[in-house]
């Protein structure tokens, strides 16, 4: 077991804005992160971005953009569907629940809802019903 904890990448040679990251160090650091953690982190980022674009953030409608939300939800659905067997049900189940909530929120936010099976990500998940 190692005593090391994640650290900021060490600076390397000068770049246009001063010292740049040490990419060798960054590569070693990312190699130590389990795939499940990388996948779930990416999924959470997609979920958060989709929620903001659905107007579900504190600022609400200020950032609402359903076209962007559709893209993010579709990407999330592809990731969750493709990785479900790799990450196991412990991780996949909450990701699927979050995805379904976003798909339903999208349907509710749409002035003209998509037909069942035509909503964001439904080509990967199948039709989503409340």
N, C-alpha and C. Protein backbone atom coordinates (compact mmCIF):
# COMPACT_ATOMS: atom_id res chain seq x y z
N UNK A 1 0.85 -1.17 0.00
CA UNK A 1 0.00 0.00 0.00
C UNK A 1 0.89 1.23 0.00
N UNK A 2 0.52 2.25 -0.75
CA UNK A 2 1.36 3.42 -0.93
C UNK A 2 0.90 4.57 -0.05
N UNK A 3 1.86 5.34 0.43
CA UNK A 3 1.55 6.53 1.22
C UNK A 3 1.31 7.75 0.35
N UNK A 4 1.55 7.62 -0.94
CA UNK A 4 1.44 8.79 -1.81
C UNK A 4 -0.01 9.16 -2.02
N UNK A 5 -0.23 10.45 -2.11
CA UNK A 5 -1.58 10.94 -2.42
C UNK A 5 -1.49 11.73 -3.71
N UNK A 6 -2.61 11.92 -4.41
CA UNK A 6 -2.58 12.66 -5.67
C UNK A 6 -2.00 14.05 -5.43
N UNK A 7 -1.12 14.44 -6.31
CA UNK A 7 -0.51 15.76 -6.21
C UNK A 7 -0.69 16.49 -7.52
N UNK A 8 -0.52 17.79 -7.45
CA UNK A 8 -0.56 18.60 -8.65
C UNK A 8 0.61 18.20 -9.53
N UNK A 9 0.44 18.21 -10.86
CA UNK A 9 1.55 17.88 -11.73
C UNK A 9 2.68 18.88 -11.55
N UNK A 10 3.90 18.38 -11.60
CA UNK A 10 5.05 19.25 -11.47
C UNK A 10 5.21 20.12 -12.71
N UNK A 11 5.74 21.30 -12.52
CA UNK A 11 5.95 22.21 -13.64
C UNK A 11 7.09 21.70 -14.50
N UNK A 12 7.00 21.97 -15.78
CA UNK A 12 8.08 21.61 -16.70
C UNK A 12 8.55 22.87 -17.40
N UNK A 13 9.06 22.72 -18.57
CA UNK A 13 9.63 23.85 -19.30
C UNK A 13 8.63 24.96 -19.52
N UNK A 14 9.15 26.15 -19.85
CA UNK A 14 8.27 27.30 -20.04
C UNK A 14 7.38 27.13 -21.27
N UNK A 15 6.17 27.61 -21.14
CA UNK A 15 5.22 27.62 -22.24
C UNK A 15 4.82 29.06 -22.50
N UNK A 16 3.83 29.30 -23.32
CA UNK A 16 3.41 30.68 -23.63
C UNK A 16 2.92 31.43 -22.40
N UNK A 17 2.40 30.71 -21.42
CA UNK A 17 1.87 31.34 -20.20
C UNK A 17 2.72 31.01 -18.98
N UNK A 18 3.97 30.65 -19.18
CA UNK A 18 4.83 30.30 -18.06
C UNK A 18 5.04 28.80 -18.01
N UNK A 19 5.43 28.28 -16.85
CA UNK A 19 5.69 26.84 -16.73
C UNK A 19 4.43 26.04 -17.05
N UNK A 20 4.63 24.94 -17.76
CA UNK A 20 3.51 24.10 -18.14
C UNK A 20 3.46 22.84 -17.30
N UNK A 21 2.43 22.01 -17.50
CA UNK A 21 2.31 20.78 -16.73
C UNK A 21 3.35 19.76 -17.18
N UNK A 22 3.69 18.87 -16.29
CA UNK A 22 4.58 17.76 -16.59
C UNK A 22 3.70 16.61 -17.07
N UNK A 23 3.60 16.44 -18.37
CA UNK A 23 2.69 15.45 -18.94
C UNK A 23 3.07 14.02 -18.58
N UNK A 24 4.37 13.75 -18.38
CA UNK A 24 4.77 12.40 -17.95
C UNK A 24 4.18 12.09 -16.58
N UNK A 25 4.24 13.06 -15.69
CA UNK A 25 3.69 12.89 -14.35
C UNK A 25 2.17 12.72 -14.41
N UNK A 26 1.52 13.53 -15.25
CA UNK A 26 0.06 13.43 -15.39
C UNK A 26 -0.33 12.06 -15.93
N UNK A 27 0.43 11.53 -16.87
CA UNK A 27 0.14 10.22 -17.44
C UNK A 27 0.26 9.14 -16.39
N UNK A 28 1.29 9.21 -15.57
CA UNK A 28 1.44 8.23 -14.49
C UNK A 28 0.29 8.33 -13.51
N UNK A 29 -0.14 9.55 -13.18
CA UNK A 29 -1.23 9.73 -12.23
C UNK A 29 -2.54 9.14 -12.77
N UNK A 30 -2.86 9.40 -14.01
CA UNK A 30 -4.13 8.91 -14.58
C UNK A 30 -4.09 7.40 -14.73
N UNK A 31 -2.90 6.83 -14.94
CA UNK A 31 -2.78 5.38 -15.07
C UNK A 31 -3.13 4.67 -13.78
N UNK A 32 -3.03 5.38 -12.66
CA UNK A 32 -3.32 4.78 -11.36
C UNK A 32 -4.80 4.86 -10.99
N UNK A 33 -5.59 5.59 -11.77
CA UNK A 33 -7.01 5.75 -11.48
C UNK A 33 -7.77 4.58 -12.11
N UNK A 34 -8.57 3.87 -11.33
CA UNK A 34 -9.34 2.74 -11.89
C UNK A 34 -10.32 3.22 -12.97
N UNK A 35 -10.51 2.38 -13.98
CA UNK A 35 -11.41 2.71 -15.09
C UNK A 35 -12.81 3.06 -14.60
N UNK A 36 -13.30 2.34 -13.60
CA UNK A 36 -14.64 2.60 -13.07
C UNK A 36 -14.74 4.04 -12.57
N UNK A 37 -13.70 4.51 -11.92
CA UNK A 37 -13.71 5.88 -11.41
C UNK A 37 -13.70 6.90 -12.54
N UNK A 38 -12.93 6.65 -13.58
CA UNK A 38 -12.89 7.56 -14.73
C UNK A 38 -14.27 7.60 -15.40
N UNK A 39 -14.87 6.43 -15.62
CA UNK A 39 -16.17 6.36 -16.28
C UNK A 39 -17.24 7.07 -15.46
N UNK A 40 -17.30 6.80 -14.16
CA UNK A 40 -18.34 7.43 -13.34
C UNK A 40 -18.11 8.94 -13.22
N UNK A 41 -16.86 9.37 -13.19
CA UNK A 41 -16.58 10.81 -13.13
C UNK A 41 -17.05 11.50 -14.39
N UNK A 42 -16.77 10.91 -15.53
CA UNK A 42 -17.23 11.49 -16.80
C UNK A 42 -18.75 11.52 -16.83
N UNK A 43 -19.39 10.45 -16.39
CA UNK A 43 -20.85 10.40 -16.38
C UNK A 43 -21.44 11.49 -15.49
N UNK A 44 -20.84 11.71 -14.33
CA UNK A 44 -21.34 12.75 -13.43
C UNK A 44 -21.18 14.13 -14.06
N UNK A 45 -20.07 14.36 -14.76
CA UNK A 45 -19.89 15.64 -15.44
C UNK A 45 -20.95 15.83 -16.54
N UNK A 46 -21.23 14.78 -17.29
CA UNK A 46 -22.28 14.87 -18.31
C UNK A 46 -23.64 15.14 -17.68
N UNK A 47 -23.93 14.46 -16.58
CA UNK A 47 -25.20 14.67 -15.87
C UNK A 47 -25.33 16.12 -15.39
N UNK A 48 -24.28 16.62 -14.79
CA UNK A 48 -24.30 17.99 -14.27
C UNK A 48 -24.51 19.01 -15.38
N UNK A 49 -23.78 18.83 -16.47
CA UNK A 49 -23.92 19.76 -17.59
C UNK A 49 -25.31 19.68 -18.20
N UNK A 50 -25.85 18.47 -18.32
CA UNK A 50 -27.21 18.32 -18.86
C UNK A 50 -28.23 18.98 -17.94
N UNK A 51 -28.09 18.81 -16.64
CA UNK A 51 -29.02 19.42 -15.69
C UNK A 51 -29.01 20.95 -15.81
N UNK A 52 -27.83 21.52 -15.94
CA UNK A 52 -27.72 22.97 -16.10
C UNK A 52 -28.43 23.40 -17.38
N UNK A 53 -28.21 22.66 -18.48
CA UNK A 53 -28.84 23.01 -19.75
C UNK A 53 -30.33 22.72 -19.79
N UNK A 54 -30.82 21.95 -18.83
CA UNK A 54 -32.26 21.73 -18.70
C UNK A 54 -32.91 22.81 -17.84
N UNK A 55 -32.09 23.71 -17.29
CA UNK A 55 -32.62 24.76 -16.44
C UNK A 55 -32.83 24.31 -15.02
N UNK A 56 -32.17 23.23 -14.59
CA UNK A 56 -32.38 22.68 -13.25
C UNK A 56 -31.39 23.23 -12.23
N UNK A 57 -30.47 24.08 -12.66
CA UNK A 57 -29.51 24.68 -11.73
C UNK A 57 -30.17 25.82 -10.98
N UNK A 58 -29.47 26.37 -9.98
CA UNK A 58 -30.02 27.48 -9.19
C UNK A 58 -30.43 28.65 -10.06
N UNK A 59 -29.66 28.92 -11.11
CA UNK A 59 -29.98 30.04 -11.99
C UNK A 59 -31.18 29.74 -12.88
N UNK A 60 -31.59 28.49 -12.91
CA UNK A 60 -32.77 28.07 -13.66
C UNK A 60 -32.71 28.36 -15.13
N UNK A 61 -33.73 29.03 -15.64
CA UNK A 61 -33.86 29.25 -17.08
C UNK A 61 -32.73 30.07 -17.72
N UNK A 62 -31.93 30.73 -16.89
CA UNK A 62 -30.85 31.56 -17.43
C UNK A 62 -29.91 30.76 -18.34
N UNK A 63 -29.68 29.49 -18.04
CA UNK A 63 -28.76 28.67 -18.81
C UNK A 63 -29.47 27.58 -19.62
N UNK A 64 -30.77 27.64 -19.70
CA UNK A 64 -31.54 26.59 -20.37
C UNK A 64 -31.24 26.58 -21.87
N UNK A 65 -30.84 25.41 -22.35
CA UNK A 65 -30.55 25.21 -23.76
C UNK A 65 -30.83 23.74 -24.07
N UNK A 66 -32.03 23.47 -24.56
CA UNK A 66 -32.44 22.08 -24.76
C UNK A 66 -31.65 21.38 -25.85
N UNK A 67 -31.15 22.12 -26.84
CA UNK A 67 -30.33 21.49 -27.87
C UNK A 67 -29.04 20.95 -27.26
N UNK A 68 -28.41 21.74 -26.41
CA UNK A 68 -27.20 21.28 -25.72
C UNK A 68 -27.52 20.14 -24.77
N UNK A 69 -28.63 20.24 -24.06
CA UNK A 69 -29.03 19.18 -23.13
C UNK A 69 -29.24 17.86 -23.87
N UNK A 70 -29.86 17.92 -25.04
CA UNK A 70 -30.10 16.71 -25.84
C UNK A 70 -28.78 16.02 -26.17
N UNK A 71 -27.79 16.78 -26.59
CA UNK A 71 -26.49 16.21 -26.95
C UNK A 71 -25.83 15.55 -25.73
N UNK A 72 -25.88 16.24 -24.61
CA UNK A 72 -25.25 15.72 -23.40
C UNK A 72 -25.95 14.46 -22.90
N UNK A 73 -27.27 14.45 -22.94
CA UNK A 73 -28.03 13.28 -22.48
C UNK A 73 -27.79 12.09 -23.41
N UNK A 74 -27.71 12.35 -24.70
CA UNK A 74 -27.44 11.27 -25.65
C UNK A 74 -26.04 10.69 -25.41
N UNK A 75 -25.05 11.56 -25.19
CA UNK A 75 -23.69 11.09 -24.89
C UNK A 75 -23.68 10.28 -23.59
N UNK A 76 -24.39 10.77 -22.59
CA UNK A 76 -24.48 10.06 -21.32
C UNK A 76 -25.12 8.69 -21.50
N UNK A 77 -26.19 8.63 -22.28
CA UNK A 77 -26.88 7.35 -22.51
C UNK A 77 -25.95 6.36 -23.19
N UNK A 78 -25.18 6.83 -24.17
CA UNK A 78 -24.23 5.94 -24.84
C UNK A 78 -23.18 5.41 -23.88
N UNK A 79 -22.65 6.31 -23.05
CA UNK A 79 -21.63 5.92 -22.08
C UNK A 79 -22.19 4.93 -21.06
N UNK A 80 -23.33 5.24 -20.49
CA UNK A 80 -23.93 4.39 -19.46
C UNK A 80 -24.29 3.02 -20.04
N UNK A 81 -24.86 3.00 -21.21
CA UNK A 81 -25.25 1.74 -21.84
C UNK A 81 -24.03 0.90 -22.18
N UNK A 82 -23.02 1.52 -22.78
CA UNK A 82 -21.84 0.78 -23.21
C UNK A 82 -21.00 0.29 -22.03
N UNK A 83 -20.99 1.04 -20.94
CA UNK A 83 -20.11 0.68 -19.82
C UNK A 83 -20.80 -0.10 -18.71
N UNK A 84 -22.10 -0.31 -18.80
CA UNK A 84 -22.84 -0.95 -17.71
C UNK A 84 -22.25 -2.29 -17.30
N UNK A 85 -21.90 -3.12 -18.25
CA UNK A 85 -21.37 -4.43 -17.88
C UNK A 85 -19.94 -4.32 -17.36
N UNK A 86 -19.24 -3.26 -17.72
CA UNK A 86 -17.86 -3.09 -17.28
C UNK A 86 -17.76 -2.53 -15.86
N UNK A 87 -18.70 -1.67 -15.48
CA UNK A 87 -18.62 -1.02 -14.17
C UNK A 87 -19.40 -1.76 -13.09
N UNK A 88 -20.24 -2.70 -13.49
CA UNK A 88 -21.02 -3.47 -12.53
C UNK A 88 -22.27 -2.74 -12.08
N UNK A 89 -23.21 -3.49 -11.55
CA UNK A 89 -24.51 -2.91 -11.19
C UNK A 89 -24.42 -1.90 -10.05
N UNK A 90 -23.44 -2.06 -9.17
CA UNK A 90 -23.28 -1.12 -8.05
C UNK A 90 -23.10 0.31 -8.57
N UNK A 91 -22.34 0.47 -9.65
CA UNK A 91 -22.10 1.79 -10.23
C UNK A 91 -23.11 2.12 -11.33
N UNK A 92 -23.50 1.11 -12.10
CA UNK A 92 -24.37 1.36 -13.25
C UNK A 92 -25.78 1.75 -12.84
N UNK A 93 -26.30 1.17 -11.78
CA UNK A 93 -27.68 1.43 -11.37
C UNK A 93 -27.94 2.92 -11.08
N UNK A 94 -27.12 3.58 -10.25
CA UNK A 94 -27.38 5.00 -10.02
C UNK A 94 -27.17 5.85 -11.28
N UNK A 95 -26.26 5.43 -12.15
CA UNK A 95 -26.06 6.18 -13.39
C UNK A 95 -27.30 6.06 -14.28
N UNK A 96 -27.87 4.85 -14.34
CA UNK A 96 -29.10 4.66 -15.12
C UNK A 96 -30.26 5.48 -14.54
N UNK A 97 -30.36 5.52 -13.20
CA UNK A 97 -31.42 6.30 -12.56
C UNK A 97 -31.27 7.78 -12.87
N UNK A 98 -30.04 8.28 -12.79
CA UNK A 98 -29.79 9.69 -13.10
C UNK A 98 -30.10 10.01 -14.55
N UNK A 99 -29.71 9.10 -15.43
CA UNK A 99 -29.98 9.27 -16.85
C UNK A 99 -31.49 9.33 -17.10
N UNK A 100 -32.24 8.40 -16.52
CA UNK A 100 -33.69 8.38 -16.71
C UNK A 100 -34.32 9.67 -16.19
N UNK A 101 -33.85 10.16 -15.06
CA UNK A 101 -34.38 11.42 -14.51
C UNK A 101 -34.14 12.58 -15.47
N UNK A 102 -32.97 12.61 -16.07
CA UNK A 102 -32.67 13.68 -17.03
C UNK A 102 -33.52 13.53 -18.29
N UNK A 103 -33.71 12.30 -18.75
CA UNK A 103 -34.55 12.08 -19.93
C UNK A 103 -35.98 12.54 -19.66
N UNK A 104 -36.49 12.23 -18.48
CA UNK A 104 -37.85 12.66 -18.13
C UNK A 104 -37.93 14.18 -17.97
N UNK A 105 -36.91 14.77 -17.38
CA UNK A 105 -36.87 16.23 -17.23
C UNK A 105 -36.81 16.90 -18.59
N UNK A 106 -36.10 16.31 -19.52
CA UNK A 106 -36.04 16.85 -20.89
C UNK A 106 -37.43 16.82 -21.51
N UNK A 107 -38.11 15.68 -21.37
CA UNK A 107 -39.46 15.56 -21.94
C UNK A 107 -40.39 16.61 -21.35
N UNK A 108 -40.28 16.83 -20.05
CA UNK A 108 -41.12 17.81 -19.37
C UNK A 108 -40.78 19.25 -19.79
N UNK A 109 -39.50 19.51 -20.05
CA UNK A 109 -39.06 20.86 -20.41
C UNK A 109 -39.37 21.21 -21.86
N UNK A 110 -39.61 20.20 -22.69
CA UNK A 110 -39.85 20.43 -24.11
C UNK A 110 -41.24 20.96 -24.35
N UNK A 111 -41.33 21.98 -25.20
CA UNK A 111 -42.63 22.54 -25.58
C UNK A 111 -43.41 21.50 -26.37
N UNK A 112 -42.71 20.83 -27.29
CA UNK A 112 -43.31 19.74 -28.06
C UNK A 112 -42.49 18.49 -27.76
N UNK A 113 -42.98 17.65 -26.83
CA UNK A 113 -42.20 16.46 -26.45
C UNK A 113 -41.97 15.51 -27.62
N UNK A 114 -40.82 14.85 -27.58
CA UNK A 114 -40.49 13.84 -28.59
C UNK A 114 -41.43 12.66 -28.43
N UNK A 115 -41.62 11.94 -29.52
CA UNK A 115 -42.37 10.68 -29.46
C UNK A 115 -41.59 9.70 -28.60
N UNK A 116 -42.26 8.79 -27.91
CA UNK A 116 -41.54 7.77 -27.13
C UNK A 116 -40.53 7.04 -28.03
N UNK A 117 -39.32 6.92 -27.53
CA UNK A 117 -38.25 6.29 -28.29
C UNK A 117 -37.43 7.26 -29.12
N UNK A 118 -37.88 8.51 -29.22
CA UNK A 118 -37.18 9.51 -30.03
C UNK A 118 -36.49 10.58 -29.18
N UNK A 119 -36.64 10.51 -27.88
CA UNK A 119 -36.03 11.49 -26.99
C UNK A 119 -34.53 11.30 -26.90
N UNK A 120 -33.85 12.21 -26.21
CA UNK A 120 -32.40 12.12 -26.13
C UNK A 120 -31.94 10.83 -25.45
N UNK A 121 -31.06 10.12 -26.14
CA UNK A 121 -30.50 8.89 -25.60
C UNK A 121 -31.38 7.67 -25.71
N UNK A 122 -32.61 7.84 -26.15
CA UNK A 122 -33.54 6.70 -26.18
C UNK A 122 -33.18 5.68 -27.25
N UNK A 123 -32.32 6.05 -28.20
CA UNK A 123 -31.86 5.04 -29.16
C UNK A 123 -30.96 4.04 -28.46
N UNK A 124 -30.40 4.43 -27.31
CA UNK A 124 -29.55 3.54 -26.52
C UNK A 124 -30.31 2.86 -25.39
N UNK A 125 -31.29 3.56 -24.81
CA UNK A 125 -31.97 3.05 -23.63
C UNK A 125 -33.34 2.47 -23.92
N UNK A 126 -33.89 2.78 -25.07
CA UNK A 126 -35.28 2.44 -25.35
C UNK A 126 -36.17 3.55 -24.82
N UNK A 127 -37.47 3.50 -25.11
CA UNK A 127 -38.38 4.56 -24.67
C UNK A 127 -38.38 4.71 -23.15
N UNK A 128 -38.47 5.95 -22.71
CA UNK A 128 -38.50 6.26 -21.29
C UNK A 128 -39.87 6.80 -20.94
N UNK A 129 -40.48 6.20 -19.94
CA UNK A 129 -41.80 6.65 -19.48
C UNK A 129 -41.71 6.96 -18.00
N UNK A 130 -42.50 7.96 -17.57
CA UNK A 130 -42.52 8.37 -16.17
C UNK A 130 -43.16 7.35 -15.34
